[in-house]
Amino acid sequence: MAILIVLSGLFSASEAAYFYLQRQDLRFLASGNASQRMAARLMEQPDRLLSAILFWNLVINMIYFTISARVGMQLEEQDGGWGVLFAFVSLFLVIFFSEMFPKSFAVLRSRSYAGLVAFPLAMAVRCVDPLLPILRFINLFLKRLLFPRITPEPDLEMSDIERAVELSTQDAQLDPHEYRMLRNIVSLSQLRADEWMRPRRQFVTFQAPVTIEDLKEKFPPSGFVLVTHRGSEEIQYSIDADDLIEFKPGYSQMGKRLVTIPWCASVADVYEKLRATQRQVANVVNEHGETIGIITIDDIADAVFVDAPSRTRRITDEPPIQLLEDGVWHVMGLATLKRLEKQLQVVLPETRSVTIQGVLQEVLQALPKTGDHCQWGPLEMDVIEAAERGRCRVEVKIRDQQTPDSRHDGARGPTS
């Protein structure tokens, strides 16, 4: 019975330790010794691992209580008082030494414990593998037998989630910053990648190999060293600039490949892919497969934790929309149409462009230059500053009256 208590405690502690591991713990184990790498591989199939742990724990506990019952019955036949006492002591021992103490210890030492028991646990999992199809079939059969009419719930709309956030925080003690952060998290699924990316001309790339001297000449504003091969403009790898600076002279560091995502993906999808692949930079491509921008994990954090997140402010350190006087604004070319429509409280025409600079290119059918004037929907726009293929600043006014001829629906060209 003592051996069974030890084995039961081993599997109970393994369940607690492995499923308490955080993502950074798994990254540490994956780059450790052989036993630690085995622990990381076991967590690649958590359902398989959990099924094996629960199976062996159940078998061991059944054997333990069978022996306990037989011994208790024999003591009961000899002396009635000892049988009941033995049953209570046996139950206490298995609860404390097989559940409470092992799990508490394993949670405190989850990383070291996971590596310690990786090999015996892998053997136990492999022994159960032939039984897993049968267990899955029994589980599915019982679900169909006991709950035959359960159907999946429909997907929630964004308006439902926003309403749930509002209702759940009415009675909660949340400060305004916490509430805005919740709203920002919800809005990630509505924010498109091309609305939040750093455009192609707003970040710098380096040709391999990259040295510390290269960073001294032009430090990457994105915080990541984006490496291209010689003779190519396509980004191949990314390296955290801080990690590269902290490296000792003479050492080298391998970059990580970027995650490639389409321009129309949501920022929430970008974050999920970065998290799943353990990457920090995503490469945004257009319909032709060409790189049009990047999104870093820091950019997504900015979208969540900043009270009023703005791509323009993040890239150029300037406000995207600035009120000059009643009915007149200065708008940066990178300002998104969603923000402009919300802040000016107007209804803008439909267009595939994302920014005010894209609209200018559609209406003017050319790159905007200083002094250009145009009308678009309810807006009257004057370009007051423009750099060649770079950022521009526009003075925007709301016209008092609209005529049918003045409403421009926007060209159907590619997204800027």
Protein backbone atom coordinates (compact mmCIF):
# COMPACT_ATOMS: atom_id res chain seq x y z
CA MET A 1 0.00 0.00 0.00
CA ALA A 2 2.91 2.36 0.67
CA ILE A 3 4.26 1.70 -2.83
CA LEU A 4 0.83 2.42 -4.32
CA ILE A 5 0.61 5.71 -2.38
CA VAL A 6 4.00 6.75 -3.77
CA LEU A 7 2.98 5.86 -7.34
CA SER A 8 -0.35 7.65 -7.00
CA GLY A 9 1.43 10.71 -5.63
CA LEU A 10 3.85 10.56 -8.57
CA PHE A 11 1.05 10.75 -11.15
CA SER A 12 -0.93 13.33 -9.18
CA ALA A 13 2.14 15.55 -8.91
CA SER A 14 2.83 15.05 -12.63
CA GLU A 15 -0.66 16.23 -13.51
CA ALA A 16 -0.27 19.37 -11.40
CA ALA A 17 3.28 20.14 -12.55
CA TYR A 18 2.78 19.66 -16.28
CA PHE A 19 -0.47 21.53 -16.54
CA TYR A 20 0.83 24.38 -14.38
CA LEU A 21 3.68 25.05 -16.81
CA GLN A 22 3.54 28.46 -18.46
CA ARG A 23 4.55 29.21 -22.04
CA GLN A 24 7.94 30.54 -20.97
CA ASP A 25 8.50 27.36 -18.97
CA LEU A 26 7.86 25.25 -22.07
CA ARG A 27 10.31 27.36 -24.06
CA PHE A 28 12.92 26.84 -21.33
CA LEU A 29 12.34 23.06 -21.28
CA ALA A 30 12.47 22.82 -25.07
CA SER A 31 16.01 24.25 -25.04
CA GLY A 32 17.24 22.27 -22.00
CA ASN A 33 18.75 18.82 -21.53
CA ALA A 34 17.33 15.55 -22.89
CA SER A 35 14.91 15.02 -20.00
CA GLN A 36 13.62 18.59 -20.23
CA ARG A 37 13.15 18.32 -24.00
CA MET A 38 11.17 15.12 -23.43
CA ALA A 39 8.92 17.02 -20.99
CA ALA A 40 8.30 19.70 -23.63
CA ARG A 41 7.43 17.03 -26.22
CA LEU A 42 4.93 15.43 -23.83
CA MET A 43 3.08 18.76 -23.61
CA GLU A 44 2.75 18.91 -27.40
CA GLN A 45 -0.16 16.46 -26.97
CA PRO A 46 -1.74 17.49 -23.66
CA ASP A 47 -4.91 15.38 -24.18
CA ARG A 48 -2.81 12.24 -24.62
CA LEU A 49 -0.72 13.06 -21.54
CA LEU A 50 -3.73 13.84 -19.35
CA SER A 51 -5.55 10.66 -20.41
CA ALA A 52 -2.54 8.53 -19.51
CA ILE A 53 -2.05 10.22 -16.12
CA LEU A 54 -5.71 9.87 -15.18
CA PHE A 55 -5.78 6.24 -16.34
CA TRP A 56 -2.77 5.17 -14.25
CA ASN A 57 -3.97 7.18 -11.25
CA LEU A 58 -7.36 5.49 -11.44
CA VAL A 59 -5.83 2.00 -11.73
CA ILE A 60 -3.45 2.58 -8.81
CA ASN A 61 -6.17 4.02 -6.57
CA MET A 62 -8.53 1.10 -7.38
CA ILE A 63 -5.82 -1.40 -6.39
CA TYR A 64 -5.05 0.56 -3.23
CA PHE A 65 -8.68 0.70 -2.07
CA THR A 66 -9.19 -2.97 -2.94
CA ILE A 67 -6.30 -3.95 -0.69
CA SER A 68 -7.49 -1.50 1.97
CA ALA A 69 -10.98 -3.01 1.91
CA ARG A 70 -9.67 -6.59 2.23
CA VAL A 71 -7.38 -5.71 5.13
CA GLY A 72 -10.17 -3.75 6.79
CA MET A 73 -12.56 -6.71 6.50
CA GLN A 74 -9.98 -9.06 8.03
CA LEU A 75 -9.39 -6.68 10.94
CA GLU A 76 -13.13 -6.30 11.34
CA GLU A 77 -13.49 -10.06 11.71
CA GLN A 78 -10.74 -10.18 14.35
CA ASP A 79 -11.57 -6.98 16.24
CA GLY A 80 -14.45 -4.70 15.18
CA GLY A 81 -12.83 -1.41 16.23
CA TRP A 82 -9.58 -1.78 14.24
CA GLY A 83 -11.28 -2.32 10.87
CA VAL A 84 -13.10 1.04 10.89
CA LEU A 85 -10.00 2.86 12.17
CA PHE A 86 -7.84 1.28 9.47
CA ALA A 87 -10.29 2.43 6.76
CA PHE A 88 -10.19 6.05 7.97
CA VAL A 89 -6.39 6.05 8.27
CA SER A 90 -6.04 4.56 4.77
CA LEU A 91 -8.34 7.23 3.33
CA PHE A 92 -6.45 10.02 5.11
CA LEU A 93 -3.08 8.73 3.91
CA VAL A 94 -4.14 8.54 0.25
CA ILE A 95 -5.73 12.01 0.35
CA PHE A 96 -2.75 13.71 2.00
CA PHE A 97 0.23 11.81 0.55
CA SER A 98 -1.23 11.06 -2.90
CA GLU A 99 -3.14 14.27 -3.63
CA MET A 100 -2.64 17.29 -1.39
CA PHE A 101 1.10 17.19 -0.60
CA PRO A 102 2.36 15.97 -4.04
CA LYS A 103 0.30 18.51 -5.99
CA SER A 104 1.30 21.40 -3.72
CA PHE A 105 4.96 20.48 -4.05
CA ALA A 106 4.75 19.98 -7.83
CA VAL A 107 3.13 23.37 -8.41
CA LEU A 108 5.97 25.10 -6.52
CA ARG A 109 8.62 23.17 -8.49
CA SER A 110 6.77 22.56 -11.73
CA ARG A 111 9.67 23.19 -14.11
CA SER A 112 12.25 21.05 -12.30
CA TYR A 113 9.74 18.30 -11.45
CA ALA A 114 8.53 18.06 -15.06
CA GLY A 115 12.06 17.40 -16.27
CA LEU A 116 12.76 14.95 -13.44
CA VAL A 117 9.85 12.58 -14.23
CA ALA A 118 9.79 13.05 -18.02
CA PHE A 119 11.26 9.68 -19.03
CA PRO A 120 9.20 7.41 -16.69
CA LEU A 121 6.11 9.41 -17.52
CA ALA A 122 6.80 9.01 -21.26
CA MET A 123 7.00 5.22 -20.78
CA ALA A 124 3.70 5.24 -18.88
CA VAL A 125 2.06 7.25 -21.67
CA ARG A 126 3.37 4.87 -24.32
CA CYS A 127 1.95 1.88 -22.44
CA VAL A 128 -1.52 3.45 -22.50
CA ASP A 129 -1.42 4.43 -26.18
CA PRO A 130 -3.09 1.18 -27.41
CA LEU A 131 -6.03 1.83 -25.07
CA LEU A 132 -6.59 5.48 -26.04
CA PRO A 133 -8.79 4.74 -29.12
CA ILE A 134 -11.02 2.54 -26.96
CA LEU A 135 -11.25 5.22 -24.26
CA ARG A 136 -12.11 7.89 -26.84
CA PHE A 137 -14.82 5.63 -28.30
CA ILE A 138 -16.34 5.01 -24.85
CA ASN A 139 -16.24 8.74 -24.11
CA LEU A 140 -17.97 9.59 -27.40
CA PHE A 141 -20.53 6.79 -26.91
CA LEU A 142 -21.45 8.03 -23.43
CA LYS A 143 -21.79 11.59 -24.71
CA ARG A 144 -24.14 10.47 -27.48
CA LEU A 145 -26.07 8.22 -25.09
CA LEU A 146 -26.48 10.67 -22.21
CA PHE A 147 -26.55 13.99 -24.10
CA PRO A 148 -27.84 13.19 -27.61
CA ARG A 149 -29.29 16.62 -28.35
CA ILE A 150 -26.43 18.89 -27.37
CA THR A 151 -25.58 21.23 -30.23
CA PRO A 152 -22.75 23.77 -30.47
CA GLU A 153 -23.67 27.31 -29.52
CA PRO A 154 -23.59 29.88 -32.34
CA ASP A 155 -20.58 32.18 -32.55
CA LEU A 156 -20.93 35.44 -30.68
CA GLU A 157 -21.06 38.67 -32.61
CA MET A 158 -18.73 41.50 -31.64
CA SER A 159 -21.69 43.56 -30.47
CA ASP A 160 -22.62 40.75 -28.07
CA ILE A 161 -19.10 40.66 -26.62
CA GLU A 162 -18.97 44.45 -26.25
CA ARG A 163 -22.34 44.39 -24.52
CA ALA A 164 -21.13 41.62 -22.20
CA VAL A 165 -18.10 43.73 -21.25
CA GLU A 166 -20.34 46.70 -20.48
CA LEU A 167 -22.75 44.67 -18.37
CA SER A 168 -20.04 42.76 -16.52
CA THR A 169 -18.24 45.93 -15.47
CA GLN A 170 -21.20 47.98 -14.29
CA ASP A 171 -21.01 46.60 -10.75
CA ALA A 172 -17.30 45.80 -10.76
CA GLN A 173 -14.71 48.04 -9.14
CA LEU A 174 -12.77 48.83 -12.32
CA ASP A 175 -10.98 52.09 -12.91
CA PRO A 176 -11.37 53.78 -16.32
CA HIS A 177 -8.00 52.49 -17.54
CA GLU A 178 -8.98 48.86 -16.86
CA TYR A 179 -12.29 49.33 -18.64
CA ARG A 180 -10.58 50.87 -21.69
CA MET A 181 -8.11 47.98 -21.73
CA LEU A 182 -10.99 45.48 -21.87
CA ARG A 183 -12.53 47.40 -24.75
CA ASN A 184 -9.18 47.46 -26.54
CA ILE A 185 -8.87 43.68 -26.21
CA VAL A 186 -12.33 43.21 -27.72
CA SER A 187 -11.52 45.60 -30.58
CA LEU A 188 -8.51 43.52 -31.68
CA SER A 189 -10.84 41.25 -33.65
CA GLN A 190 -12.20 44.25 -35.58
CA LEU A 191 -8.84 45.90 -36.24
CA ARG A 192 -7.36 44.80 -39.56
CA ALA A 193 -3.66 44.08 -40.01
CA ASP A 194 -3.20 46.78 -42.65
CA GLU A 195 -4.76 49.31 -40.26
CA TRP A 196 -2.23 48.61 -37.51
CA MET A 197 0.91 47.53 -39.35
CA ARG A 198 4.08 49.57 -39.76
CA PRO A 199 4.07 50.42 -43.49
CA ARG A 200 6.99 49.35 -45.65
CA ARG A 201 8.69 52.75 -45.58
CA GLN A 202 8.28 53.14 -41.82
CA PHE A 203 10.81 50.49 -40.77
CA VAL A 204 14.40 49.70 -41.69
CA THR A 205 15.94 46.43 -42.85
CA PHE A 206 19.51 45.12 -42.66
CA GLN A 207 21.36 42.80 -44.99
CA ALA A 208 22.99 39.78 -43.37
CA PRO A 209 25.32 39.66 -41.54
CA VAL A 210 24.30 42.39 -39.06
CA THR A 211 26.82 43.86 -36.62
CA ILE A 212 26.53 46.16 -33.60
CA GLU A 213 28.07 48.93 -35.72
CA ASP A 214 25.10 48.69 -38.11
CA LEU A 215 22.71 49.36 -35.23
CA LYS A 216 24.74 52.36 -34.11
CA GLU A 217 24.25 53.95 -37.52
CA LYS A 218 20.46 53.40 -37.65
CA PHE A 219 18.69 51.80 -34.72
CA PRO A 220 15.48 50.04 -35.87
CA PRO A 221 12.42 52.05 -34.77
CA SER A 222 10.37 48.85 -34.50
CA GLY A 223 12.78 47.48 -31.88
CA PHE A 224 13.58 44.45 -34.07
CA VAL A 225 16.42 43.91 -36.51
CA LEU A 226 14.79 42.82 -39.77
CA VAL A 227 17.29 40.85 -41.83
CA THR A 228 17.20 40.36 -45.61
CA HIS A 229 19.46 38.32 -47.86
CA ARG A 230 21.80 40.10 -50.20
CA GLY A 231 20.08 41.24 -53.37
CA SER A 232 16.59 40.83 -51.87
CA GLU A 233 14.18 43.19 -50.13
CA GLU A 234 12.04 40.44 -48.62
CA ILE A 235 12.50 40.04 -44.85
CA GLN A 236 13.80 36.62 -43.88
CA TYR A 237 14.51 36.84 -40.15
CA SER A 238 13.96 39.09 -37.14
CA ILE A 239 16.13 39.56 -34.04
CA ASP A 240 15.24 41.52 -30.93
CA ALA A 241 17.55 44.54 -31.03
CA ASP A 242 18.02 44.52 -27.24
CA ASP A 243 19.17 40.89 -27.33
CA LEU A 244 21.65 41.68 -30.09
CA ILE A 245 23.11 44.63 -28.18
CA GLU A 246 23.52 42.56 -24.99
CA PHE A 247 25.43 39.81 -26.85
CA LYS A 248 29.15 39.66 -26.18
CA PRO A 249 31.55 40.56 -29.01
CA GLY A 250 32.43 37.58 -31.15
CA TYR A 251 29.13 35.81 -30.51
CA SER A 252 26.36 35.41 -33.06
CA GLN A 253 22.63 34.97 -32.75
CA MET A 254 20.26 33.26 -35.15
CA GLY A 255 17.16 35.16 -36.11
CA LYS A 256 13.65 33.78 -36.19
CA ARG A 257 11.56 33.53 -39.33
CA LEU A 258 8.60 35.87 -39.55
CA VAL A 259 4.98 34.77 -39.52
CA THR A 260 3.32 35.68 -42.83
CA ILE A 261 -0.25 36.99 -42.67
CA PRO A 262 -2.56 38.59 -45.26
CA TRP A 263 -3.41 42.28 -45.10
CA CYS A 264 -7.07 41.51 -44.31
CA ALA A 265 -6.38 39.40 -41.19
CA SER A 266 -7.47 40.80 -37.84
CA VAL A 267 -4.91 41.83 -35.25
CA ALA A 268 -6.40 39.19 -32.94
CA ASP A 269 -5.52 36.52 -35.55
CA VAL A 270 -2.02 37.97 -35.85
CA TYR A 271 -1.52 37.70 -32.09
CA GLU A 272 -2.80 34.12 -32.05
CA LYS A 273 -0.35 33.09 -34.79
CA LEU A 274 2.55 34.85 -33.08
CA ARG A 275 1.68 33.14 -29.80
CA ALA A 276 1.25 29.71 -31.37
CA THR A 277 4.55 29.88 -33.28
CA GLN A 278 6.44 31.70 -30.49
CA ARG A 279 7.42 34.50 -32.86
CA GLN A 280 7.54 38.26 -32.26
CA VAL A 281 7.18 39.76 -35.75
CA ALA A 282 4.56 39.15 -38.45
CA ASN A 283 5.07 39.94 -42.13
CA VAL A 284 1.99 41.56 -43.73
CA VAL A 285 1.59 40.79 -47.45
CA ASN A 286 -0.86 42.01 -50.10
CA GLU A 287 -2.79 39.90 -52.57
CA HIS A 288 0.33 39.57 -54.73
CA GLY A 289 2.39 38.16 -51.86
CA GLU A 290 4.49 41.31 -51.54
CA THR A 291 5.51 42.68 -48.15
CA ILE A 292 3.61 45.87 -47.34
CA GLY A 293 4.33 46.11 -43.62
CA ILE A 294 5.09 44.36 -40.34
CA ILE A 295 3.36 43.96 -36.98
CA THR A 296 5.42 43.26 -33.86
CA ILE A 297 4.27 41.83 -30.56
CA ASP A 298 5.02 45.25 -29.03
CA ASP A 299 2.65 46.89 -31.52
CA ILE A 300 -0.15 44.57 -30.37
CA ALA A 301 0.66 45.29 -26.72
CA ASP A 302 0.38 49.00 -27.55
CA ALA A 303 -3.10 48.37 -29.00
CA VAL A 304 -4.18 46.80 -25.69
CA PHE A 305 -2.52 48.78 -22.91
CA VAL A 306 -2.48 52.34 -24.27
CA ASP A 307 -5.57 54.35 -23.34
CA ALA A 308 -6.06 55.74 -26.87
CA PRO A 309 -3.96 53.54 -29.18
CA SER A 310 -2.89 55.17 -32.43
CA ARG A 311 -0.66 53.81 -35.17
CA THR A 312 0.30 57.31 -36.29
CA ARG A 313 1.36 58.36 -32.80
CA ARG A 314 3.26 55.08 -32.35
CA ILE A 315 5.21 55.48 -35.62
CA THR A 316 5.65 59.25 -35.98
CA ASP A 317 5.19 60.35 -32.34
CA GLU A 318 2.57 62.88 -33.50
CA PRO A 319 -1.19 63.00 -32.91
CA PRO A 320 -3.08 61.53 -35.91
CA ILE A 321 -5.83 64.17 -35.83
CA GLN A 322 -5.45 67.61 -34.33
CA LEU A 323 -8.27 70.16 -34.03
CA LEU A 324 -7.15 73.64 -35.12
CA GLU A 325 -10.43 75.49 -34.90
CA ASP A 326 -14.10 74.74 -35.21
CA GLY A 327 -14.55 72.57 -38.33
CA VAL A 328 -10.83 72.46 -39.27
CA TRP A 329 -8.40 69.65 -38.48
CA HIS A 330 -4.83 68.73 -39.32
CA VAL A 331 -4.73 65.04 -40.19
CA MET A 332 -1.64 62.88 -40.70
CA GLY A 333 -1.66 60.75 -43.85
CA LEU A 334 -1.34 57.53 -41.81
CA ALA A 335 -4.53 58.29 -39.85
CA THR A 336 -7.11 55.58 -40.47
CA LEU A 337 -10.51 56.38 -41.93
CA LYS A 338 -12.22 54.65 -39.00
CA ARG A 339 -10.58 57.03 -36.54
CA LEU A 340 -11.30 60.03 -38.78
CA GLU A 341 -14.97 59.07 -39.18
CA LYS A 342 -15.36 58.55 -35.43
CA GLN A 343 -13.60 61.75 -34.36
CA LEU A 344 -15.20 64.02 -36.96
CA GLN A 345 -18.59 62.30 -36.53
CA VAL A 346 -19.26 62.09 -40.25
CA VAL A 347 -20.23 59.29 -42.64
CA LEU A 348 -17.51 58.69 -45.21
CA PRO A 349 -17.94 57.02 -48.62
CA GLU A 350 -17.05 53.36 -49.04
CA THR A 351 -13.50 52.66 -50.15
CA ARG A 352 -10.88 49.94 -49.98
CA SER A 353 -8.31 52.43 -48.72
CA VAL A 354 -7.47 52.34 -45.04
CA THR A 355 -5.79 55.71 -44.52
CA ILE A 356 -6.42 59.30 -45.56
CA GLN A 357 -3.27 59.12 -47.69
CA GLY A 358 -4.76 56.20 -49.62
CA VAL A 359 -7.93 58.24 -50.26
CA LEU A 360 -5.84 61.12 -51.59
CA GLN A 361 -4.13 58.80 -54.05
CA GLU A 362 -7.50 57.47 -55.20
CA VAL A 363 -9.04 60.89 -55.70
CA LEU A 364 -5.99 62.59 -57.19
CA GLN A 365 -4.92 59.50 -59.17
CA ALA A 366 -1.38 60.48 -58.23
CA LEU A 367 0.89 60.76 -55.23
CA PRO A 368 -0.17 63.77 -53.14
CA LYS A 369 1.99 66.91 -53.34
CA THR A 370 2.02 70.06 -51.24
CA GLY A 371 -0.77 72.37 -52.40
CA ASP A 372 -3.07 69.65 -53.81
CA HIS A 373 -6.77 70.23 -53.14
CA CYS A 374 -9.64 67.78 -53.47
CA GLN A 375 -13.09 66.93 -52.15
CA TRP A 376 -14.22 63.53 -50.93
CA GLY A 377 -17.67 62.93 -49.55
CA PRO A 378 -18.33 65.52 -46.81
CA LEU A 379 -14.64 66.46 -46.58
CA GLU A 380 -12.57 69.15 -48.22
CA MET A 381 -8.85 68.34 -48.10
CA ASP A 382 -5.73 70.46 -48.69
CA VAL A 383 -2.28 68.86 -48.64
CA ILE A 384 -0.08 71.17 -46.58
CA GLU A 385 2.97 68.88 -46.29
CA ALA A 386 4.10 65.94 -48.39
CA ALA A 387 7.34 64.03 -48.75
CA GLU A 388 8.15 61.94 -51.79
CA ARG A 389 6.52 58.52 -51.25
CA GLY A 390 6.50 59.41 -47.56
CA ARG A 391 4.20 60.83 -44.93
CA CYS A 392 1.92 63.78 -45.58
CA ARG A 393 -0.18 66.18 -43.53
CA VAL A 394 -3.64 67.28 -44.66
CA GLU A 395 -5.92 70.10 -43.61
CA VAL A 396 -9.45 68.72 -43.47
CA LYS A 397 -12.67 70.73 -43.39
CA ILE A 398 -16.28 69.60 -43.29
CA ARG A 399 -18.28 71.19 -46.09
CA ASP A 400 -21.58 72.75 -45.18
CA GLN A 401 -23.50 71.28 -48.11
CA GLN A 402 -23.04 68.25 -50.31
CA THR A 403 -23.96 67.92 -53.93
CA PRO A 404 -24.39 64.62 -55.76
CA ASP A 405 -21.33 65.37 -57.93
CA SER A 406 -19.10 66.01 -54.93
CA ARG A 407 -19.53 62.57 -53.39
CA HIS A 408 -16.68 60.33 -54.52
CA ASP A 409 -17.09 56.61 -54.02
CA GLY A 410 -13.37 55.90 -54.18
CA ALA A 411 -11.41 53.97 -56.75
CA ARG A 412 -11.14 50.22 -56.55
CA GLY A 413 -7.38 50.09 -56.59
CA PRO A 414 -5.18 48.09 -54.22
CA THR A 415 -5.02 49.05 -50.58
CA SER A 416 -2.34 51.62 -49.81
